[in-house]
């Protein structure tokens, strides 16, 4: 069965777990660098060079120096709010009126109309 003792197994599993977490954090920082619009290409290259040669210190420095909210984050939030507002302004009554217009124009038949109406009202 198991030839070592339990503490060796537990210690090995903890080390593997910590390495996996560290690599995941490193990858997240690397991906965040590519996504950011507020850094120039030269600054991104410098961060990446440091990430490859001094990874753990660079990850800690990056996490400390990164602003909490970037202009890109604000832009993304504004777009999400605009999308939510646009979606919330469409009512079921508007959708039913559009369905009636499609049925009257002959674009959809009676069965399609009833199916779509049932989905809207569900």
Foldseek 3Di string as FASTA:
>chain_A
DDPDDPVVVVVVVVVVVVVVVLVVLLVVLLVVLVPDPVDDPVVSVVLVVCCVPVNPVSSVVCVVPPDPADPVNVVVVVVVVVVVVVVVVDDLVNVLVVLVVCCVVVVDDPVVSVVVNVVSVD
